[in-house]
Amino acid sequence: MRITGIVLATFTAFAALQFANGQPANGLLYEISRKDLAKPSYVFGTIHAICAADMIPLEGLQPYVDKTDQMLMEIDMDDPVEMGSMSKTIYIPDGKTLKDYLTPEQFSKVDEMTKSLIGAPAENLKTLKPTVLSVLMIAGPKALGCTPSVYDLLLMQSAVAKKKPVIGLETVASQVSVLDSTPIEKQAKDLYEMALDPQKRIKDFKALIGVYKTQDAEKLFQHSTSELSNDKEFQSKLLDDRNTSWIPKIESAIKEKPTFIAVGAAHLGGKVGVVNLLRSKGYTVKAIRLPAGGGN
């Protein structure tokens, strides 16, 4: 499971797809081609927690996975060392707990929320980083009304089943360093503010899922970054800087062999999104419309 990826999802209603010359202008799946590539590669934007009924069926993605020889993801989910390191990054450091950052009254309000959305008192969860705790509630079964599916895990399993190598664009440690650039004090404050009206955050996340189902990466980017409009520095660290650092790795992979790339969908759109960055390198990046999920 990719907690750090889910945190990106602070990402209105359904929007119509834009079409040009009979092709969707935006999508979630894109074909990457250029004259010097023997075969095309593909990049797909995932959402890290979604009900199965709302998913784009994996059967629709599988043909594109099958056309490639390796999978490139934000982190190598097939690496037990990387995945094992994740459990060490979700706790507040230095032996501190939420109680060190919240007043008793604030902690009591958070306790009401955790009991409602997780079914456990905040006392049992107080060592978790506030951002991690907020994710567990917003994208959890009680909030979504289902047991969430994780695209990244399912895609990784499909690659492993076909004996395709899985490669990571970055490490768990590098992802965590981005999230940790927000001090625990501010994370705790945000968690308390969420506890004042948890349904608002849940509705925001469900709105993100609604936009995701339109298969329009540009609108998804706009929706997700609207939550970060007052913190451009963090937006840059969370999206722009990482996108830019990924491009040389993506180029190296797709020149070596056809590659299926899976990253959080918020990374695709925008001026410094993966799609535009690849186009600026001379690649033809063409959106592909996928079959809709049962919940569309």
C-alpha atoms as a PDB file:
ATOM      1  CA  MET A   1       0.000   0.000   0.000  1.00  0.00           C
ATOM      2  CA  ARG A   2       1.244   3.457  -0.853  1.00  0.00           C
ATOM      3  CA  ILE A   3       0.424   5.855   1.981  1.00  0.00           C
ATOM      4  CA  THR A   4       2.596   8.644   0.606  1.00  0.00           C
ATOM      5  CA  GLY A   5       0.929   8.454  -2.756  1.00  0.00           C
ATOM      6  CA  ILE A   6      -2.522   8.584  -1.217  1.00  0.00           C
ATOM      7  CA  VAL A   7      -1.597  11.785   0.581  1.00  0.00           C
ATOM      8  CA  LEU A   8      -1.446  13.467  -2.790  1.00  0.00           C
ATOM      9  CA  ALA A   9      -5.140  12.924  -2.953  1.00  0.00           C
ATOM     10  CA  THR A  10      -6.510  16.104  -1.448  1.00  0.00           C
ATOM     11  CA  PHE A  11      -7.502  16.356  -4.919  1.00  0.00           C
ATOM     12  CA  THR A  12     -16.223  18.940  -9.476  1.00  0.00           C
ATOM     13  CA  ALA A  13     -18.659  17.271 -10.614  1.00  0.00           C
ATOM     14  CA  PHE A  14     -18.093  15.194 -13.730  1.00  0.00           C
ATOM     15  CA  ALA A  15     -16.500  17.166 -16.573  1.00  0.00           C
ATOM     16  CA  ALA A  16     -16.787  16.453 -20.286  1.00  0.00           C
ATOM     17  CA  LEU A  17     -13.712  15.155 -22.085  1.00  0.00           C
ATOM     18  CA  GLN A  18     -12.202  17.476 -24.675  1.00  0.00           C
ATOM     19  CA  PHE A  19     -11.641  15.999 -28.085  1.00  0.00           C
ATOM     20  CA  ALA A  20      -9.347  17.031 -30.927  1.00  0.00           C
ATOM     21  CA  ASN A  21      -9.268  15.283 -34.280  1.00  0.00           C
ATOM     22  CA  GLY A  22     -11.304  12.443 -32.817  1.00  0.00           C
ATOM     23  CA  GLN A  23      -8.776  11.807 -30.011  1.00  0.00           C
ATOM     24  CA  PRO A  24      -9.263  12.727 -26.344  1.00  0.00           C
ATOM     25  CA  ALA A  25      -7.065  15.717 -25.487  1.00  0.00           C
ATOM     26  CA  ASN A  26      -6.601  14.439 -21.962  1.00  0.00           C
ATOM     27  CA  GLY A  27      -6.723  11.017 -20.385  1.00  0.00           C
ATOM     28  CA  LEU A  28      -5.315   8.802 -17.671  1.00  0.00           C
ATOM     29  CA  LEU A  29      -3.473   6.509 -20.083  1.00  0.00           C
ATOM     30  CA  TYR A  30      -1.060   7.920 -22.669  1.00  0.00           C
ATOM     31  CA  GLU A  31       1.010   6.309 -25.414  1.00  0.00           C
ATOM     32  CA  ILE A  32       4.600   7.604 -25.631  1.00  0.00           C
ATOM     33  CA  SER A  33       6.351   7.364 -28.979  1.00  0.00           C
ATOM     34  CA  ARG A  34       9.256   8.910 -30.890  1.00  0.00           C
ATOM     35  CA  LYS A  35      11.217   7.946 -33.977  1.00  0.00           C
ATOM     36  CA  ASP A  36      14.128   6.602 -31.967  1.00  0.00           C
ATOM     37  CA  LEU A  37      11.914   4.267 -29.901  1.00  0.00           C
ATOM     38  CA  ALA A  38      11.537   0.773 -31.335  1.00  0.00           C
ATOM     39  CA  LYS A  39       8.130   0.399 -29.651  1.00  0.00           C
ATOM     40  CA  PRO A  40       5.848   2.780 -27.758  1.00  0.00           C
ATOM     41  CA  SER A  41       5.639   2.914 -23.988  1.00  0.00           C
ATOM     42  CA  TYR A  42       2.648   3.901 -21.848  1.00  0.00           C
ATOM     43  CA  VAL A  43       2.071   6.074 -18.797  1.00  0.00           C
ATOM     44  CA  PHE A  44      -1.005   5.628 -16.600  1.00  0.00           C
ATOM     45  CA  GLY A  45      -2.229   7.839 -13.771  1.00  0.00           C
ATOM     46  CA  THR A  46      -3.355   5.919 -10.713  1.00  0.00           C
ATOM     47  CA  ILE A  47      -5.431   6.897  -7.720  1.00  0.00           C
ATOM     48  CA  HIS A  48      -4.201   5.168  -4.632  1.00  0.00           C
ATOM     49  CA  ALA A  49      -7.486   4.313  -2.911  1.00  0.00           C
ATOM     50  CA  ILE A  50     -10.745   3.739  -4.787  1.00  0.00           C
ATOM     51  CA  CYS A  51     -13.782   1.469  -4.632  1.00  0.00           C
ATOM     52  CA  ALA A  52     -13.638  -1.429  -7.085  1.00  0.00           C
ATOM     53  CA  ALA A  53     -16.891  -0.259  -8.691  1.00  0.00           C
ATOM     54  CA  ASP A  54     -15.287   3.089  -9.536  1.00  0.00           C
ATOM     55  CA  MET A  55     -12.089   1.671 -10.995  1.00  0.00           C
ATOM     56  CA  ILE A  56     -11.173   1.569 -14.636  1.00  0.00           C
ATOM     57  CA  PRO A  57     -11.208  -2.214 -15.053  1.00  0.00           C
ATOM     58  CA  LEU A  58      -7.757  -3.741 -15.092  1.00  0.00           C
ATOM     59  CA  GLU A  59      -8.906  -5.780 -18.070  1.00  0.00           C
ATOM     60  CA  GLY A  60      -8.841  -2.531 -20.028  1.00  0.00           C
ATOM     61  CA  LEU A  61      -5.275  -1.768 -18.944  1.00  0.00           C
ATOM     62  CA  GLN A  62      -3.874  -5.274 -19.313  1.00  0.00           C
ATOM     63  CA  PRO A  63      -3.399  -5.145 -23.111  1.00  0.00           C
ATOM     64  CA  TYR A  64      -1.093  -2.135 -22.672  1.00  0.00           C
ATOM     65  CA  VAL A  65       0.812  -3.798 -19.851  1.00  0.00           C
ATOM     66  CA  ASP A  66       1.193  -6.841 -22.106  1.00  0.00           C
ATOM     67  CA  LYS A  67       2.722  -4.708 -24.890  1.00  0.00           C
ATOM     68  CA  THR A  68       5.587  -3.701 -22.614  1.00  0.00           C
ATOM     69  CA  ASP A  69       8.577  -5.513 -21.133  1.00  0.00           C
ATOM     70  CA  GLN A  70       8.883  -3.816 -17.738  1.00  0.00           C
ATOM     71  CA  MET A  71       6.930  -1.679 -15.248  1.00  0.00           C
ATOM     72  CA  LEU A  72       8.141   1.623 -13.816  1.00  0.00           C
ATOM     73  CA  MET A  73       6.387   2.867 -10.664  1.00  0.00           C
ATOM     74  CA  GLU A  74       6.906   5.638  -8.118  1.00  0.00           C
ATOM     75  CA  ILE A  75       8.560   3.056  -5.862  1.00  0.00           C
ATOM     76  CA  ASP A  76       9.493  -0.560  -6.500  1.00  0.00           C
ATOM     77  CA  MET A  77       6.618  -2.313  -4.759  1.00  0.00           C
ATOM     78  CA  ASP A  78       8.206  -5.662  -5.561  1.00  0.00           C
ATOM     79  CA  ASP A  79      11.260  -4.827  -3.436  1.00  0.00           C
ATOM     80  CA  PRO A  80      10.777  -6.227   0.096  1.00  0.00           C
ATOM     81  CA  VAL A  81      13.493  -3.951   1.479  1.00  0.00           C
ATOM     82  CA  GLU A  82      11.772  -0.838   0.165  1.00  0.00           C
ATOM     83  CA  MET A  83       8.344  -1.960   1.321  1.00  0.00           C
ATOM     84  CA  GLY A  84       9.728  -2.992   4.698  1.00  0.00           C
ATOM     85  CA  SER A  85      11.227   0.458   5.203  1.00  0.00           C
ATOM     86  CA  MET A  86       7.784   2.044   4.889  1.00  0.00           C
ATOM     87  CA  SER A  87       6.678   0.842   8.320  1.00  0.00           C
ATOM     88  CA  LYS A  88       9.548   2.788   9.884  1.00  0.00           C
ATOM     89  CA  THR A  89       8.471   6.104   8.364  1.00  0.00           C
ATOM     90  CA  ILE A  90       4.878   6.457   9.527  1.00  0.00           C
ATOM     91  CA  TYR A  91       5.529   7.287  13.181  1.00  0.00           C
ATOM     92  CA  ILE A  92       6.189  10.626  14.871  1.00  0.00           C
ATOM     93  CA  PRO A  93       9.928  10.772  15.604  1.00  0.00           C
ATOM     94  CA  ASP A  94      11.776  11.271  18.884  1.00  0.00           C
ATOM     95  CA  GLY A  95       9.286   9.283  20.955  1.00  0.00           C
ATOM     96  CA  LYS A  96       6.667  12.023  20.735  1.00  0.00           C
ATOM     97  CA  THR A  97       2.937  11.579  20.178  1.00  0.00           C
ATOM     98  CA  LEU A  98      -0.004  13.651  18.995  1.00  0.00           C
ATOM     99  CA  LYS A  99      -0.544  14.719  22.584  1.00  0.00           C
ATOM    100  CA  ASP A 100       2.686  16.709  22.401  1.00  0.00           C
ATOM    101  CA  TYR A 101       1.233  18.842  19.602  1.00  0.00           C
ATOM    102  CA  LEU A 102      -2.458  19.171  20.542  1.00  0.00           C
ATOM    103  CA  THR A 103      -4.226  20.546  23.574  1.00  0.00           C
ATOM    104  CA  PRO A 104      -6.384  18.067  25.539  1.00  0.00           C
ATOM    105  CA  GLU A 105      -9.469  19.644  23.968  1.00  0.00           C
ATOM    106  CA  GLN A 106      -8.044  19.322  20.473  1.00  0.00           C
ATOM    107  CA  PHE A 107      -6.964  15.731  21.096  1.00  0.00           C
ATOM    108  CA  SER A 108     -10.481  14.940  22.334  1.00  0.00           C
ATOM    109  CA  LYS A 109     -11.920  16.254  19.059  1.00  0.00           C
ATOM    110  CA  VAL A 110      -9.506  14.093  17.055  1.00  0.00           C
ATOM    111  CA  ASP A 111     -10.511  11.154  19.259  1.00  0.00           C
ATOM    112  CA  GLU A 112     -14.161  11.619  18.229  1.00  0.00           C
ATOM    113  CA  MET A 113     -13.108  11.472  14.579  1.00  0.00           C
ATOM    114  CA  THR A 114     -10.896   8.394  14.843  1.00  0.00           C
ATOM    115  CA  LYS A 115     -13.597   6.488  16.724  1.00  0.00           C
ATOM    116  CA  SER A 116     -16.114   7.410  14.017  1.00  0.00           C
ATOM    117  CA  LEU A 117     -13.953   6.737  10.957  1.00  0.00           C
ATOM    118  CA  ILE A 118     -11.498   4.066  12.105  1.00  0.00           C
ATOM    119  CA  GLY A 119     -13.317   2.524  15.050  1.00  0.00           C
ATOM    120  CA  ALA A 120     -10.359   3.069  17.373  1.00  0.00           C
ATOM    121  CA  PRO A 121      -9.567   5.739  19.981  1.00  0.00           C
ATOM    122  CA  ALA A 122      -6.908   8.309  19.191  1.00  0.00           C
ATOM    123  CA  GLU A 123      -4.978   7.044  22.204  1.00  0.00           C
ATOM    124  CA  ASN A 124      -4.219   3.861  20.222  1.00  0.00           C
ATOM    125  CA  LEU A 125      -3.097   5.869  17.183  1.00  0.00           C
ATOM    126  CA  LYS A 126      -1.264   8.775  18.795  1.00  0.00           C
ATOM    127  CA  THR A 127       2.207   7.733  17.606  1.00  0.00           C
ATOM    128  CA  LEU A 128       1.236   7.900  13.908  1.00  0.00           C
ATOM    129  CA  LYS A 129       2.204  10.996  11.960  1.00  0.00           C
ATOM    130  CA  PRO A 130      -0.880  13.227  11.622  1.00  0.00           C
ATOM    131  CA  THR A 131      -0.743  13.104   7.813  1.00  0.00           C
ATOM    132  CA  VAL A 132      -0.747   9.307   7.882  1.00  0.00           C
ATOM    133  CA  LEU A 133      -3.675   9.282  10.298  1.00  0.00           C
ATOM    134  CA  SER A 134      -5.694  11.663   8.116  1.00  0.00           C
ATOM    135  CA  VAL A 135      -5.117   9.424   5.100  1.00  0.00           C
ATOM    136  CA  LEU A 136      -6.285   6.322   6.960  1.00  0.00           C
ATOM    137  CA  MET A 137      -9.560   8.102   7.683  1.00  0.00           C
ATOM    138  CA  ILE A 138     -10.240   9.924   4.412  1.00  0.00           C
ATOM    139  CA  ALA A 139      -9.430   6.916   2.216  1.00  0.00           C
ATOM    140  CA  GLY A 140     -10.614   4.221   4.605  1.00  0.00           C
ATOM    141  CA  PRO A 141     -13.563   1.820   4.366  1.00  0.00           C
ATOM    142  CA  LYS A 142     -15.940   3.862   6.557  1.00  0.00           C
ATOM    143  CA  ALA A 143     -15.364   7.054   4.557  1.00  0.00           C
ATOM    144  CA  LEU A 144     -15.530   5.440   1.116  1.00  0.00           C
ATOM    145  CA  GLY A 145     -18.194   2.849   1.940  1.00  0.00           C
ATOM    146  CA  CYS A 146     -16.096  -0.008   0.588  1.00  0.00           C
ATOM    147  CA  THR A 147     -12.822  -1.825   1.081  1.00  0.00           C
ATOM    148  CA  PRO A 148     -10.542   0.331  -1.102  1.00  0.00           C
ATOM    149  CA  SER A 149      -8.563  -1.141  -3.963  1.00  0.00           C
ATOM    150  CA  VAL A 150      -5.026   0.046  -4.713  1.00  0.00           C
ATOM    151  CA  TYR A 151      -4.190   0.350  -8.437  1.00  0.00           C
ATOM    152  CA  ASP A 152      -0.460   0.334  -7.790  1.00  0.00           C
ATOM    153  CA  LEU A 153      -0.510  -2.992  -5.994  1.00  0.00           C
ATOM    154  CA  LEU A 154      -2.770  -4.627  -8.579  1.00  0.00           C
ATOM    155  CA  LEU A 155      -0.645  -3.359 -11.470  1.00  0.00           C
ATOM    156  CA  MET A 156       2.539  -4.532  -9.786  1.00  0.00           C
ATOM    157  CA  GLN A 157       1.019  -7.980  -9.288  1.00  0.00           C
ATOM    158  CA  SER A 158       0.016  -8.114 -12.965  1.00  0.00           C
ATOM    159  CA  ALA A 159       3.612  -7.358 -13.987  1.00  0.00           C
ATOM    160  CA  VAL A 160       5.090  -9.913 -11.606  1.00  0.00           C
ATOM    161  CA  ALA A 161       2.644 -12.556 -12.842  1.00  0.00           C
ATOM    162  CA  LYS A 162       4.008 -12.023 -16.372  1.00  0.00           C
ATOM    163  CA  LYS A 163       7.597 -12.030 -15.050  1.00  0.00           C
ATOM    164  CA  LYS A 164       8.124  -8.384 -16.029  1.00  0.00           C
ATOM    165  CA  PRO A 165      10.717  -6.447 -13.992  1.00  0.00           C
ATOM    166  CA  VAL A 166       9.377  -3.729 -11.682  1.00  0.00           C
ATOM    167  CA  ILE A 167      11.510  -0.586 -11.252  1.00  0.00           C
ATOM    168  CA  GLY A 168      11.122   2.384  -8.890  1.00  0.00           C
ATOM    169  CA  LEU A 169      11.440   6.046  -9.833  1.00  0.00           C
ATOM    170  CA  GLU A 170      12.300   6.965  -6.256  1.00  0.00           C
ATOM    171  CA  THR A 171      12.623   5.469  -2.788  1.00  0.00           C
ATOM    172  CA  VAL A 172      10.261   5.391   0.173  1.00  0.00           C
ATOM    173  CA  ALA A 173      12.772   7.587   2.009  1.00  0.00           C
ATOM    174  CA  SER A 174      12.651  10.263  -0.701  1.00  0.00           C
ATOM    175  CA  GLN A 175       8.848  10.260  -0.699  1.00  0.00           C
ATOM    176  CA  VAL A 176       8.726  10.575   3.067  1.00  0.00           C
ATOM    177  CA  SER A 177      11.201  13.458   2.999  1.00  0.00           C
ATOM    178  CA  VAL A 178       8.707  15.412   0.878  1.00  0.00           C
ATOM    179  CA  LEU A 179       5.870  14.842   3.334  1.00  0.00           C
ATOM    180  CA  ASP A 180       8.142  15.543   6.289  1.00  0.00           C
ATOM    181  CA  SER A 181       8.932  18.957   4.838  1.00  0.00           C
ATOM    182  CA  THR A 182       5.649  19.923   6.507  1.00  0.00           C
ATOM    183  CA  PRO A 183       6.468  20.148  10.239  1.00  0.00           C
ATOM    184  CA  ILE A 184       4.618  17.819  12.603  1.00  0.00           C
ATOM    185  CA  GLU A 185       3.185  20.896  14.345  1.00  0.00           C
ATOM    186  CA  LYS A 186       1.414  21.954  11.143  1.00  0.00           C
ATOM    187  CA  GLN A 187       0.354  18.384  10.368  1.00  0.00           C
ATOM    188  CA  ALA A 188      -1.234  18.164  13.823  1.00  0.00           C
ATOM    189  CA  LYS A 189      -2.989  21.515  13.353  1.00  0.00           C
ATOM    190  CA  ASP A 190      -4.376  20.340   9.997  1.00  0.00           C
ATOM    191  CA  LEU A 191      -5.566  17.085  11.588  1.00  0.00           C
ATOM    192  CA  TYR A 192      -7.425  19.001  14.297  1.00  0.00           C
ATOM    193  CA  GLU A 193      -9.012  21.283  11.700  1.00  0.00           C
ATOM    194  CA  MET A 194     -10.110  18.195   9.801  1.00  0.00           C
ATOM    195  CA  ALA A 195     -11.690  16.865  13.009  1.00  0.00           C
ATOM    196  CA  LEU A 196     -13.892  19.972  13.182  1.00  0.00           C
ATOM    197  CA  ASP A 197     -15.617  18.898   9.951  1.00  0.00           C
ATOM    198  CA  PRO A 198     -14.359  15.494   8.736  1.00  0.00           C
ATOM    199  CA  GLN A 199     -17.170  15.140   6.218  1.00  0.00           C
ATOM    200  CA  LYS A 200     -15.817  18.103   4.254  1.00  0.00           C
ATOM    201  CA  ARG A 201     -12.499  16.333   3.655  1.00  0.00           C
ATOM    202  CA  ILE A 202     -14.293  13.107   2.797  1.00  0.00           C
ATOM    203  CA  LYS A 203     -16.514  14.938   0.291  1.00  0.00           C
ATOM    204  CA  ASP A 204     -13.423  16.576  -1.220  1.00  0.00           C
ATOM    205  CA  PHE A 205     -11.799  13.169  -1.729  1.00  0.00           C
ATOM    206  CA  LYS A 206     -14.972  11.734  -3.243  1.00  0.00           C
ATOM    207  CA  ALA A 207     -15.064  14.740  -5.581  1.00  0.00           C
ATOM    208  CA  LEU A 208     -11.528  13.845  -6.624  1.00  0.00           C
ATOM    209  CA  ILE A 209     -12.678  10.322  -7.441  1.00  0.00           C
ATOM    210  CA  GLY A 210     -15.498  11.824  -9.509  1.00  0.00           C
ATOM    211  CA  VAL A 211     -12.983  13.855 -11.515  1.00  0.00           C
ATOM    212  CA  TYR A 212     -10.712  10.827 -11.846  1.00  0.00           C
ATOM    213  CA  LYS A 213     -13.541   8.855 -13.433  1.00  0.00           C
ATOM    214  CA  THR A 214     -13.792  11.422 -16.236  1.00  0.00           C
ATOM    215  CA  GLN A 215     -10.291  10.330 -17.345  1.00  0.00           C
ATOM    216  CA  ASP A 216      -9.135  13.943 -17.686  1.00  0.00           C
ATOM    217  CA  ALA A 217      -5.689  14.340 -16.139  1.00  0.00           C
ATOM    218  CA  GLU A 218      -5.657  18.101 -16.646  1.00  0.00           C
ATOM    219  CA  LYS A 219      -8.867  18.665 -14.706  1.00  0.00           C
ATOM    220  CA  LEU A 220      -7.646  16.241 -12.058  1.00  0.00           C
ATOM    221  CA  PHE A 221      -4.439  18.262 -11.683  1.00  0.00           C
ATOM    222  CA  GLN A 222      -6.406  21.503 -11.376  1.00  0.00           C
ATOM    223  CA  HIS A 223      -8.746  19.991  -8.798  1.00  0.00           C
ATOM    224  CA  SER A 224      -5.969  18.462  -6.705  1.00  0.00           C
ATOM    225  CA  THR A 225      -3.736  21.542  -6.696  1.00  0.00           C
ATOM    226  CA  SER A 226      -6.612  23.848  -5.726  1.00  0.00           C
ATOM    227  CA  GLU A 227      -6.095  22.452  -2.214  1.00  0.00           C
ATOM    228  CA  LEU A 228      -2.440  23.531  -2.342  1.00  0.00           C
ATOM    229  CA  SER A 229      -2.988  27.012  -3.785  1.00  0.00           C
ATOM    230  CA  ASN A 230      -1.832  28.683  -0.560  1.00  0.00           C
ATOM    231  CA  ASP A 231       1.365  26.630  -0.339  1.00  0.00           C
ATOM    232  CA  LYS A 232       3.129  26.799  -3.682  1.00  0.00           C
ATOM    233  CA  GLU A 233       6.423  25.720  -2.159  1.00  0.00           C
ATOM    234  CA  PHE A 234       4.936  22.444  -0.928  1.00  0.00           C
ATOM    235  CA  GLN A 235       3.132  21.920  -4.267  1.00  0.00           C
ATOM    236  CA  SER A 236       6.469  22.285  -6.021  1.00  0.00           C
ATOM    237  CA  LYS A 237       8.100  19.713  -3.737  1.00  0.00           C
ATOM    238  CA  LEU A 238       5.151  17.330  -3.950  1.00  0.00           C
ATOM    239  CA  LEU A 239       4.614  17.461  -7.716  1.00  0.00           C
ATOM    240  CA  ASP A 240       6.813  19.688  -9.902  1.00  0.00           C
ATOM    241  CA  ASP A 241      10.223  18.802  -8.475  1.00  0.00           C
ATOM    242  CA  ARG A 242       9.500  15.103  -8.446  1.00  0.00           C
ATOM    243  CA  ASN A 243       8.096  15.172 -11.993  1.00  0.00           C
ATOM    244  CA  THR A 244      11.234  16.896 -13.251  1.00  0.00           C
ATOM    245  CA  SER A 245      13.516  14.414 -11.484  1.00  0.00           C
ATOM    246  CA  TRP A 246      11.581  11.477 -12.981  1.00  0.00           C
ATOM    247  CA  ILE A 247      11.986  12.437 -16.649  1.00  0.00           C
ATOM    248  CA  PRO A 248      15.621  11.280 -17.116  1.00  0.00           C
ATOM    249  CA  LYS A 249      14.716   7.960 -15.467  1.00  0.00           C
ATOM    250  CA  ILE A 250      11.644   7.576 -17.654  1.00  0.00           C
ATOM    251  CA  GLU A 251      13.654   8.380 -20.776  1.00  0.00           C
ATOM    252  CA  SER A 252      16.321   5.858 -19.848  1.00  0.00           C
ATOM    253  CA  ALA A 253      13.713   3.149 -19.255  1.00  0.00           C
ATOM    254  CA  ILE A 254      11.703   3.663 -22.441  1.00  0.00           C
ATOM    255  CA  LYS A 255      14.856   3.783 -24.579  1.00  0.00           C
ATOM    256  CA  GLU A 256      15.977   0.477 -23.090  1.00  0.00           C
ATOM    257  CA  LYS A 257      12.679  -1.364 -23.646  1.00  0.00           C
ATOM    258  CA  PRO A 258       8.932  -0.656 -23.925  1.00  0.00           C
ATOM    259  CA  THR A 259       7.759   0.293 -20.450  1.00  0.00           C
ATOM    260  CA  PHE A 260       4.433   0.626 -18.630  1.00  0.00           C
ATOM    261  CA  ILE A 261       4.726   3.586 -16.260  1.00  0.00           C
ATOM    262  CA  ALA A 262       2.298   3.951 -13.340  1.00  0.00           C
ATOM    263  CA  VAL A 263       2.351   7.142 -11.234  1.00  0.00           C
ATOM    264  CA  GLY A 264      -0.222   9.107  -9.263  1.00  0.00           C
ATOM    265  CA  ALA A 265      -2.585  10.812 -11.698  1.00  0.00           C
ATOM    266  CA  ALA A 266      -1.899  14.291 -10.250  1.00  0.00           C
ATOM    267  CA  HIS A 267       1.603  14.002 -11.734  1.00  0.00           C
ATOM    268  CA  LEU A 268       0.340  13.850 -15.336  1.00  0.00           C
ATOM    269  CA  GLY A 269      -1.280  17.272 -15.826  1.00  0.00           C
ATOM    270  CA  GLY A 270      -0.053  20.840 -15.532  1.00  0.00           C
ATOM    271  CA  LYS A 271       2.776  22.753 -17.195  1.00  0.00           C
ATOM    272  CA  VAL A 272       5.341  20.766 -15.222  1.00  0.00           C
ATOM    273  CA  GLY A 273       3.411  17.514 -15.471  1.00  0.00           C
ATOM    274  CA  VAL A 274       4.906  14.318 -16.844  1.00  0.00           C
ATOM    275  CA  VAL A 275       2.902  14.596 -20.096  1.00  0.00           C
ATOM    276  CA  ASN A 276       4.102  18.123 -20.929  1.00  0.00           C
ATOM    277  CA  LEU A 277       7.665  17.394 -19.835  1.00  0.00           C
ATOM    278  CA  LEU A 278       7.842  14.402 -22.173  1.00  0.00           C
ATOM    279  CA  ARG A 279       6.341  16.421 -25.028  1.00  0.00           C
ATOM    280  CA  SER A 280       8.992  19.101 -24.447  1.00  0.00           C
ATOM    281  CA  LYS A 281      11.579  16.361 -25.067  1.00  0.00           C
ATOM    282  CA  GLY A 282      10.112  15.659 -28.499  1.00  0.00           C
ATOM    283  CA  TYR A 283       7.973  12.648 -27.643  1.00  0.00           C
ATOM    284  CA  THR A 284       4.491  12.211 -29.067  1.00  0.00           C
ATOM    285  CA  VAL A 285       2.253  11.637 -26.033  1.00  0.00           C
ATOM    286  CA  LYS A 286      -1.257  10.623 -27.092  1.00  0.00           C
ATOM    287  CA  ALA A 287      -4.204  10.080 -24.738  1.00  0.00           C
ATOM    288  CA  ILE A 288      -6.071   6.775 -24.921  1.00  0.00           C
ATOM    289  CA  ARG A 289      -9.685   6.462 -23.746  1.00  0.00           C
ATOM    290  CA  LEU A 290     -10.218   3.418 -21.513  1.00  0.00           C
ATOM    291  CA  PRO A 291     -13.394   1.450 -20.765  1.00  0.00           C
ATOM    292  CA  ALA A 292     -15.241   3.008 -17.840  1.00  0.00           C
ATOM    293  CA  GLY A 293     -15.713   1.299 -14.489  1.00  0.00           C
ATOM    294  CA  GLY A 294     -19.039  -0.031 -13.267  1.00  0.00           C
ATOM    295  CA  GLY A 295     -19.616   3.017 -11.121  1.00  0.00           C
ATOM    296  CA  ASN A 296     -19.409   5.537 -13.984  1.00  0.00           C
END
